[in-house]
Amino acid sequence: MAADVKTDDYPHEIDEQLTGFDSSVSSVKTMLDKLMSMHRNDLLQKLNPLDQAKLDLMSAYTLNSLFWMYLVTQGVNPREHGIKQELERIRTYMNRVKEITDKKKAARLDKGAAARFLRNALYDPEDKDSRKKVADTAADTPRSKRPKQS
């Protein structure tokens, strides 16, 4: 894109920026072509609901961002256009999805394992000896037989 334009048409200071922009537009076009080549229903069937939401949000955000860039190229201030509110709305939904994803990744407490960990961490050998002595003395003392009730 930038290579097709004569170098006399624009200042040389922005040559690097235009080259970077051209490569970015080419990579976006490649990704969009790949995404557009698949049938949406087939793609959605392969995804779980959370990934479907991520895909929808990414698509909406990408299209609105491209429209933002279009407005800039047309000389319209996008900050005064309704596109700003739409991008903010999509961003809030993206944050909600991120929170849900983070909750799924968060570690869950295994109460049984925590109890065993604490019991073993607070282990005192003297307590074990005293428990053994109590158990031994209880075993040594004869148990009285209760008479059978009839």
N, C-alpha and C. Protein backbone atom coordinates (compact mmCIF):
# COMPACT_ATOMS: atom_id res chain seq x y z
N MET A 1 0.83 -1.18 0.00
CA MET A 1 0.00 0.00 0.00
C MET A 1 0.88 1.24 0.00
N ALA A 2 1.79 1.35 0.99
CA ALA A 2 2.66 2.52 1.05
C ALA A 2 3.71 2.47 -0.04
N ALA A 3 4.05 1.28 -0.51
CA ALA A 3 5.06 1.15 -1.55
C ALA A 3 4.52 1.60 -2.90
N ASP A 4 3.20 1.56 -3.08
CA ASP A 4 2.59 1.95 -4.35
C ASP A 4 2.54 3.46 -4.53
N VAL A 5 2.66 4.23 -3.46
CA VAL A 5 2.54 5.68 -3.51
C VAL A 5 3.91 6.29 -3.78
N LYS A 6 3.93 7.31 -4.58
CA LYS A 6 5.19 8.01 -4.86
C LYS A 6 5.67 8.68 -3.58
N THR A 7 6.97 8.71 -3.37
CA THR A 7 7.53 9.28 -2.15
C THR A 7 7.40 10.80 -2.12
N ASP A 8 7.09 11.43 -3.24
CA ASP A 8 6.94 12.88 -3.27
C ASP A 8 5.60 13.32 -2.71
N ASP A 9 4.64 12.38 -2.55
CA ASP A 9 3.30 12.73 -2.13
C ASP A 9 3.16 12.95 -0.63
N TYR A 10 4.09 12.51 0.15
CA TYR A 10 3.99 12.65 1.61
C TYR A 10 5.37 12.90 2.19
N PRO A 11 5.43 13.45 3.40
CA PRO A 11 6.74 13.74 4.02
C PRO A 11 7.47 12.44 4.37
N HIS A 12 8.77 12.47 4.25
CA HIS A 12 9.60 11.28 4.51
C HIS A 12 9.63 10.92 6.00
N GLU A 13 9.28 11.84 6.87
CA GLU A 13 9.31 11.57 8.31
C GLU A 13 8.29 10.51 8.72
N ILE A 14 7.22 10.39 7.95
CA ILE A 14 6.18 9.43 8.33
C ILE A 14 6.28 8.12 7.55
N ASP A 15 7.39 7.92 6.87
CA ASP A 15 7.56 6.72 6.06
C ASP A 15 7.50 5.45 6.93
N GLU A 16 8.17 5.46 8.09
CA GLU A 16 8.15 4.29 8.99
C GLU A 16 6.74 4.02 9.50
N GLN A 17 6.05 5.09 9.86
CA GLN A 17 4.69 4.93 10.37
C GLN A 17 3.76 4.36 9.30
N LEU A 18 3.90 4.82 8.07
CA LEU A 18 3.07 4.30 6.99
C LEU A 18 3.38 2.84 6.69
N THR A 19 4.64 2.47 6.76
CA THR A 19 5.02 1.09 6.54
C THR A 19 4.44 0.20 7.63
N GLY A 20 4.51 0.66 8.89
CA GLY A 20 3.91 -0.08 10.00
C GLY A 20 2.41 -0.19 9.86
N PHE A 21 1.79 0.89 9.44
CA PHE A 21 0.34 0.89 9.23
C PHE A 21 -0.05 -0.09 8.13
N ASP A 22 0.73 -0.10 7.07
CA ASP A 22 0.47 -1.01 5.95
C ASP A 22 0.57 -2.47 6.41
N SER A 23 1.58 -2.79 7.19
CA SER A 23 1.72 -4.18 7.65
C SER A 23 0.59 -4.54 8.63
N SER A 24 0.17 -3.59 9.44
CA SER A 24 -0.94 -3.84 10.37
C SER A 24 -2.25 -4.09 9.61
N VAL A 25 -2.50 -3.27 8.60
CA VAL A 25 -3.72 -3.45 7.80
C VAL A 25 -3.67 -4.79 7.08
N SER A 26 -2.52 -5.18 6.60
CA SER A 26 -2.39 -6.48 5.92
C SER A 26 -2.66 -7.63 6.88
N SER A 27 -2.16 -7.54 8.10
CA SER A 27 -2.40 -8.62 9.07
C SER A 27 -3.87 -8.67 9.49
N VAL A 28 -4.50 -7.50 9.62
CA VAL A 28 -5.93 -7.47 9.94
C VAL A 28 -6.73 -8.09 8.79
N LYS A 29 -6.37 -7.76 7.56
CA LYS A 29 -7.05 -8.33 6.40
C LYS A 29 -6.89 -9.84 6.37
N THR A 30 -5.71 -10.34 6.67
CA THR A 30 -5.47 -11.79 6.68
C THR A 30 -6.34 -12.46 7.74
N MET A 31 -6.40 -11.89 8.93
CA MET A 31 -7.23 -12.47 10.00
C MET A 31 -8.71 -12.42 9.66
N LEU A 32 -9.15 -11.31 9.10
CA LEU A 32 -10.56 -11.20 8.73
C LEU A 32 -10.92 -12.17 7.61
N ASP A 33 -10.02 -12.35 6.65
CA ASP A 33 -10.27 -13.32 5.58
C ASP A 33 -10.40 -14.73 6.16
N LYS A 34 -9.53 -15.05 7.11
CA LYS A 34 -9.58 -16.37 7.73
C LYS A 34 -10.88 -16.55 8.51
N LEU A 35 -11.28 -15.52 9.24
CA LEU A 35 -12.51 -15.58 10.03
C LEU A 35 -13.74 -15.63 9.13
N MET A 36 -13.73 -14.88 8.05
CA MET A 36 -14.88 -14.83 7.15
C MET A 36 -15.00 -16.10 6.30
N SER A 37 -13.90 -16.85 6.15
CA SER A 37 -13.96 -18.06 5.33
C SER A 37 -14.73 -19.18 6.04
N MET A 38 -14.84 -19.12 7.37
CA MET A 38 -15.56 -20.15 8.12
C MET A 38 -17.03 -19.75 8.26
N HIS A 39 -17.89 -20.75 8.25
CA HIS A 39 -19.30 -20.50 8.50
C HIS A 39 -19.47 -20.22 9.99
N ARG A 40 -20.20 -19.19 10.30
CA ARG A 40 -20.35 -18.76 11.69
C ARG A 40 -21.01 -19.84 12.55
N ASN A 41 -22.04 -20.50 12.02
CA ASN A 41 -22.71 -21.54 12.80
C ASN A 41 -21.78 -22.70 13.12
N ASP A 42 -20.95 -23.09 12.15
CA ASP A 42 -19.99 -24.18 12.40
C ASP A 42 -19.00 -23.78 13.47
N LEU A 43 -18.57 -22.55 13.40
CA LEU A 43 -17.59 -22.06 14.38
C LEU A 43 -18.20 -21.99 15.77
N LEU A 44 -19.42 -21.50 15.88
CA LEU A 44 -20.08 -21.37 17.19
C LEU A 44 -20.39 -22.73 17.82
N GLN A 45 -20.67 -23.73 17.00
CA GLN A 45 -20.96 -25.06 17.55
C GLN A 45 -19.75 -25.67 18.21
N LYS A 46 -18.56 -25.31 17.78
CA LYS A 46 -17.33 -25.86 18.34
C LYS A 46 -16.93 -25.18 19.64
N LEU A 47 -17.52 -24.03 19.93
CA LEU A 47 -17.11 -23.24 21.09
C LEU A 47 -18.10 -23.39 22.24
N ASN A 48 -17.57 -23.25 23.46
CA ASN A 48 -18.47 -23.22 24.63
C ASN A 48 -19.06 -21.82 24.74
N PRO A 49 -20.08 -21.63 25.56
CA PRO A 49 -20.76 -20.32 25.62
C PRO A 49 -19.83 -19.16 25.97
N LEU A 50 -18.86 -19.39 26.84
CA LEU A 50 -17.94 -18.31 27.21
C LEU A 50 -17.07 -17.91 26.02
N ASP A 51 -16.59 -18.88 25.27
CA ASP A 51 -15.80 -18.57 24.08
C ASP A 51 -16.65 -17.93 22.98
N GLN A 52 -17.92 -18.32 22.90
CA GLN A 52 -18.83 -17.68 21.95
C GLN A 52 -18.98 -16.20 22.29
N ALA A 53 -19.12 -15.90 23.58
CA ALA A 53 -19.25 -14.50 24.01
C ALA A 53 -17.97 -13.73 23.68
N LYS A 54 -16.82 -14.37 23.92
CA LYS A 54 -15.55 -13.71 23.60
C LYS A 54 -15.45 -13.42 22.11
N LEU A 55 -15.85 -14.38 21.29
CA LEU A 55 -15.80 -14.19 19.83
C LEU A 55 -16.72 -13.05 19.39
N ASP A 56 -17.93 -13.04 19.92
CA ASP A 56 -18.88 -11.98 19.57
C ASP A 56 -18.37 -10.61 20.00
N LEU A 57 -17.83 -10.53 21.20
CA LEU A 57 -17.30 -9.25 21.69
C LEU A 57 -16.09 -8.80 20.87
N MET A 58 -15.23 -9.74 20.54
CA MET A 58 -14.06 -9.39 19.74
C MET A 58 -14.48 -8.89 18.37
N SER A 59 -15.46 -9.56 17.78
CA SER A 59 -15.95 -9.13 16.46
C SER A 59 -16.57 -7.73 16.52
N ALA A 60 -17.41 -7.51 17.51
CA ALA A 60 -18.07 -6.20 17.64
C ALA A 60 -17.04 -5.10 17.92
N TYR A 61 -16.08 -5.39 18.79
CA TYR A 61 -15.07 -4.38 19.11
C TYR A 61 -14.20 -4.07 17.89
N THR A 62 -13.85 -5.11 17.14
CA THR A 62 -13.02 -4.91 15.95
C THR A 62 -13.75 -4.06 14.91
N LEU A 63 -15.00 -4.39 14.65
CA LEU A 63 -15.76 -3.62 13.66
C LEU A 63 -15.95 -2.17 14.09
N ASN A 64 -16.23 -1.96 15.36
CA ASN A 64 -16.41 -0.59 15.84
C ASN A 64 -15.09 0.18 15.83
N SER A 65 -13.99 -0.50 16.10
CA SER A 65 -12.69 0.16 16.03
C SER A 65 -12.35 0.55 14.59
N LEU A 66 -12.67 -0.35 13.66
CA LEU A 66 -12.44 -0.01 12.25
C LEU A 66 -13.31 1.16 11.82
N PHE A 67 -14.55 1.22 12.32
CA PHE A 67 -15.42 2.34 12.01
C PHE A 67 -14.87 3.63 12.61
N TRP A 68 -14.29 3.54 13.83
CA TRP A 68 -13.64 4.69 14.47
C TRP A 68 -12.54 5.22 13.56
N MET A 69 -11.72 4.29 13.02
CA MET A 69 -10.64 4.72 12.12
C MET A 69 -11.19 5.33 10.85
N TYR A 70 -12.28 4.78 10.34
CA TYR A 70 -12.92 5.34 9.15
C TYR A 70 -13.37 6.77 9.41
N LEU A 71 -14.00 7.00 10.57
CA LEU A 71 -14.44 8.36 10.90
C LEU A 71 -13.26 9.33 10.95
N VAL A 72 -12.15 8.86 11.51
CA VAL A 72 -10.96 9.73 11.58
C VAL A 72 -10.48 10.08 10.18
N THR A 73 -10.48 9.11 9.27
CA THR A 73 -10.02 9.38 7.91
C THR A 73 -10.96 10.32 7.16
N GLN A 74 -12.22 10.37 7.58
CA GLN A 74 -13.19 11.25 6.93
C GLN A 74 -13.23 12.63 7.56
N GLY A 75 -12.42 12.84 8.59
CA GLY A 75 -12.37 14.15 9.23
C GLY A 75 -13.43 14.36 10.30
N VAL A 76 -14.11 13.31 10.70
CA VAL A 76 -15.13 13.39 11.75
C VAL A 76 -14.46 13.07 13.08
N ASN A 77 -14.79 13.85 14.10
CA ASN A 77 -14.25 13.58 15.43
C ASN A 77 -15.03 12.43 16.05
N PRO A 78 -14.40 11.24 16.21
CA PRO A 78 -15.13 10.08 16.73
C PRO A 78 -15.51 10.21 18.21
N ARG A 79 -14.85 11.12 18.92
CA ARG A 79 -15.18 11.32 20.34
C ARG A 79 -16.55 11.98 20.51
N GLU A 80 -16.99 12.67 19.48
CA GLU A 80 -18.31 13.32 19.51
C GLU A 80 -19.36 12.46 18.81
N HIS A 81 -18.97 11.31 18.33
CA HIS A 81 -19.87 10.41 17.61
C HIS A 81 -20.37 9.33 18.57
N GLY A 82 -21.45 8.67 18.23
CA GLY A 82 -22.01 7.61 19.07
C GLY A 82 -21.14 6.37 19.17
N ILE A 83 -20.11 6.29 18.33
CA ILE A 83 -19.24 5.12 18.34
C ILE A 83 -18.46 5.01 19.64
N LYS A 84 -18.21 6.16 20.27
CA LYS A 84 -17.47 6.14 21.53
C LYS A 84 -18.27 5.41 22.61
N GLN A 85 -19.55 5.70 22.70
CA GLN A 85 -20.40 5.03 23.69
C GLN A 85 -20.51 3.54 23.39
N GLU A 86 -20.57 3.20 22.13
CA GLU A 86 -20.66 1.79 21.75
C GLU A 86 -19.38 1.03 22.13
N LEU A 87 -18.24 1.64 21.91
CA LEU A 87 -16.98 1.01 22.30
C LEU A 87 -16.88 0.85 23.82
N GLU A 88 -17.35 1.85 24.55
CA GLU A 88 -17.36 1.75 26.02
C GLU A 88 -18.29 0.64 26.49
N ARG A 89 -19.43 0.50 25.87
CA ARG A 89 -20.39 -0.55 26.23
C ARG A 89 -19.77 -1.92 26.00
N ILE A 90 -19.13 -2.09 24.85
CA ILE A 90 -18.50 -3.38 24.54
C ILE A 90 -17.36 -3.64 25.52
N ARG A 91 -16.63 -2.60 25.87
CA ARG A 91 -15.51 -2.76 26.81
C ARG A 91 -16.00 -3.22 28.18
N THR A 92 -17.17 -2.72 28.63
CA THR A 92 -17.70 -3.17 29.92
C THR A 92 -18.08 -4.65 29.86
N TYR A 93 -18.66 -5.08 28.75
CA TYR A 93 -18.98 -6.51 28.60
C TYR A 93 -17.71 -7.36 28.54
N MET A 94 -16.67 -6.83 27.91
CA MET A 94 -15.40 -7.56 27.87
C MET A 94 -14.82 -7.71 29.27
N ASN A 95 -14.98 -6.68 30.10
CA ASN A 95 -14.51 -6.78 31.48
C ASN A 95 -15.32 -7.80 32.27
N ARG A 96 -16.61 -7.88 32.01
CA ARG A 96 -17.45 -8.90 32.68
C ARG A 96 -16.99 -10.31 32.32
N VAL A 97 -16.73 -10.52 31.04
CA VAL A 97 -16.26 -11.84 30.60
C VAL A 97 -14.91 -12.15 31.22
N LYS A 98 -14.06 -11.15 31.33
CA LYS A 98 -12.75 -11.35 31.95
C LYS A 98 -12.91 -11.74 33.42
N GLU A 99 -13.84 -11.10 34.13
CA GLU A 99 -14.08 -11.44 35.53
C GLU A 99 -14.56 -12.88 35.66
N ILE A 100 -15.44 -13.30 34.77
CA ILE A 100 -15.93 -14.68 34.81
C ILE A 100 -14.79 -15.65 34.54
N THR A 101 -13.94 -15.33 33.58
CA THR A 101 -12.80 -16.19 33.28
C THR A 101 -11.85 -16.26 34.47
N ASP A 102 -11.61 -15.11 35.12
CA ASP A 102 -10.73 -15.10 36.28
C ASP A 102 -11.30 -15.90 37.44
N LYS A 103 -12.62 -15.86 37.61
CA LYS A 103 -13.25 -16.65 38.68
C LYS A 103 -13.08 -18.14 38.42
N LYS A 104 -13.16 -18.55 37.15
CA LYS A 104 -12.98 -19.96 36.83
C LYS A 104 -11.55 -20.40 37.10
N LYS A 105 -10.59 -19.50 36.86
CA LYS A 105 -9.18 -19.84 37.06
C LYS A 105 -8.77 -19.78 38.52
N ALA A 106 -9.54 -19.09 39.34
CA ALA A 106 -9.17 -18.91 40.75
C ALA A 106 -9.13 -20.26 41.46
N ALA A 107 -8.21 -20.38 42.40
CA ALA A 107 -8.07 -21.61 43.16
C ALA A 107 -9.25 -21.78 44.10
N ARG A 108 -9.70 -23.01 44.23
CA ARG A 108 -10.80 -23.31 45.13
C ARG A 108 -10.22 -23.99 46.36
N LEU A 109 -10.84 -23.76 47.50
CA LEU A 109 -10.36 -24.31 48.75
C LEU A 109 -10.92 -25.70 48.94
N ASP A 110 -10.03 -26.66 49.14
CA ASP A 110 -10.42 -28.01 49.48
C ASP A 110 -10.40 -28.09 51.00
N LYS A 111 -11.58 -28.08 51.61
CA LYS A 111 -11.67 -27.98 53.07
C LYS A 111 -11.02 -29.17 53.76
N GLY A 112 -11.18 -30.34 53.20
CA GLY A 112 -10.57 -31.52 53.80
C GLY A 112 -9.05 -31.43 53.79
N ALA A 113 -8.50 -31.02 52.65
CA ALA A 113 -7.05 -30.89 52.54
C ALA A 113 -6.54 -29.79 53.46
N ALA A 114 -7.27 -28.71 53.58
CA ALA A 114 -6.86 -27.62 54.47
C ALA A 114 -6.87 -28.09 55.92
N ALA A 115 -7.87 -28.86 56.31
CA ALA A 115 -7.94 -29.37 57.68
C ALA A 115 -6.78 -30.31 57.96
N ARG A 116 -6.46 -31.19 57.01
CA ARG A 116 -5.32 -32.10 57.19
C ARG A 116 -4.02 -31.32 57.28
N PHE A 117 -3.89 -30.31 56.43
CA PHE A 117 -2.68 -29.49 56.45
C PHE A 117 -2.49 -28.81 57.80
N LEU A 118 -3.56 -28.23 58.31
CA LEU A 118 -3.47 -27.55 59.60
C LEU A 118 -3.21 -28.54 60.73
N ARG A 119 -3.88 -29.68 60.69
CA ARG A 119 -3.67 -30.68 61.73
C ARG A 119 -2.21 -31.13 61.75
N ASN A 120 -1.65 -31.39 60.58
CA ASN A 120 -0.26 -31.84 60.51
C ASN A 120 0.72 -30.72 60.80
N ALA A 121 0.36 -29.48 60.44
CA ALA A 121 1.25 -28.36 60.71
C ALA A 121 1.31 -28.05 62.19
N LEU A 122 0.22 -28.31 62.91
CA LEU A 122 0.16 -28.04 64.34
C LEU A 122 0.46 -29.29 65.16
N TYR A 123 1.07 -30.27 64.57
CA TYR A 123 1.38 -31.53 65.23
C TYR A 123 2.36 -31.30 66.37
N ASP A 124 2.06 -31.90 67.50
CA ASP A 124 2.93 -31.80 68.67
C ASP A 124 3.19 -33.23 69.16
N PRO A 125 4.46 -33.70 69.17
CA PRO A 125 4.76 -35.07 69.57
C PRO A 125 4.32 -35.39 70.99
N GLU A 126 4.33 -34.40 71.87
CA GLU A 126 3.91 -34.65 73.25
C GLU A 126 2.43 -34.99 73.31
N ASP A 127 1.64 -34.35 72.49
CA ASP A 127 0.21 -34.65 72.45
C ASP A 127 -0.03 -36.08 72.01
N LYS A 128 0.78 -36.56 71.09
CA LYS A 128 0.62 -37.92 70.59
C LYS A 128 0.94 -38.91 71.71
N ASP A 129 2.03 -38.64 72.46
CA ASP A 129 2.40 -39.52 73.57
C ASP A 129 1.31 -39.55 74.63
N SER A 130 0.75 -38.38 74.94
CA SER A 130 -0.29 -38.36 75.97
C SER A 130 -1.54 -39.07 75.49
N ARG A 131 -1.83 -38.99 74.20
CA ARG A 131 -2.98 -39.71 73.66
C ARG A 131 -2.75 -41.22 73.74
N LYS A 132 -1.50 -41.63 73.47
CA LYS A 132 -1.18 -43.04 73.52
C LYS A 132 -1.33 -43.56 74.94
N LYS A 133 -0.85 -42.78 75.92
CA LYS A 133 -0.94 -43.20 77.32
C LYS A 133 -2.40 -43.33 77.74
N VAL A 134 -3.21 -42.39 77.33
CA VAL A 134 -4.63 -42.44 77.67
C VAL A 134 -5.25 -43.68 77.03
N ALA A 135 -4.89 -43.97 75.80
CA ALA A 135 -5.44 -45.14 75.11
C ALA A 135 -4.96 -46.42 75.77
N ASP A 136 -3.66 -46.45 76.19
CA ASP A 136 -3.11 -47.64 76.85
C ASP A 136 -3.78 -47.87 78.20
N THR A 137 -3.95 -46.83 78.98
CA THR A 137 -4.57 -46.99 80.29
C THR A 137 -6.02 -47.40 80.15
N ALA A 138 -6.68 -46.93 79.13
CA ALA A 138 -8.06 -47.32 78.91
C ALA A 138 -8.14 -48.79 78.52
N ALA A 139 -7.15 -49.27 77.78
CA ALA A 139 -7.14 -50.67 77.37
C ALA A 139 -6.77 -51.58 78.55
N ASP A 140 -5.94 -51.08 79.49
CA ASP A 140 -5.50 -51.89 80.63
C ASP A 140 -6.60 -52.05 81.66
N THR A 141 -7.42 -51.06 81.83
CA THR A 141 -8.47 -51.15 82.85
C THR A 141 -9.57 -52.05 82.34
N PRO A 142 -10.00 -52.98 83.19
CA PRO A 142 -11.05 -53.89 82.75
C PRO A 142 -12.37 -53.15 82.64
N ARG A 143 -13.06 -53.47 81.63
CA ARG A 143 -14.36 -52.85 81.42
C ARG A 143 -15.38 -53.65 82.20
N SER A 144 -16.24 -52.90 82.79
CA SER A 144 -17.30 -53.61 83.53
C SER A 144 -18.38 -54.00 82.55
N LYS A 145 -18.82 -55.21 82.74
CA LYS A 145 -19.88 -55.69 81.84
C LYS A 145 -21.20 -55.21 82.38
N ARG A 146 -21.94 -54.67 81.52
CA ARG A 146 -23.27 -54.24 81.92
C ARG A 146 -24.19 -55.43 81.88
N PRO A 147 -24.99 -55.52 82.88
CA PRO A 147 -25.92 -56.66 82.86
C PRO A 147 -26.93 -56.47 81.75
N LYS A 148 -27.27 -57.57 81.19
CA LYS A 148 -28.26 -57.52 80.11
C LYS A 148 -29.61 -57.19 80.68
N GLN A 149 -30.25 -56.34 80.01
CA GLN A 149 -31.59 -55.98 80.46
C GLN A 149 -32.58 -56.87 79.75
N SER A 150 -33.52 -57.36 80.53
CA SER A 150 -34.50 -58.24 79.91
C SER A 150 -35.86 -57.64 79.92
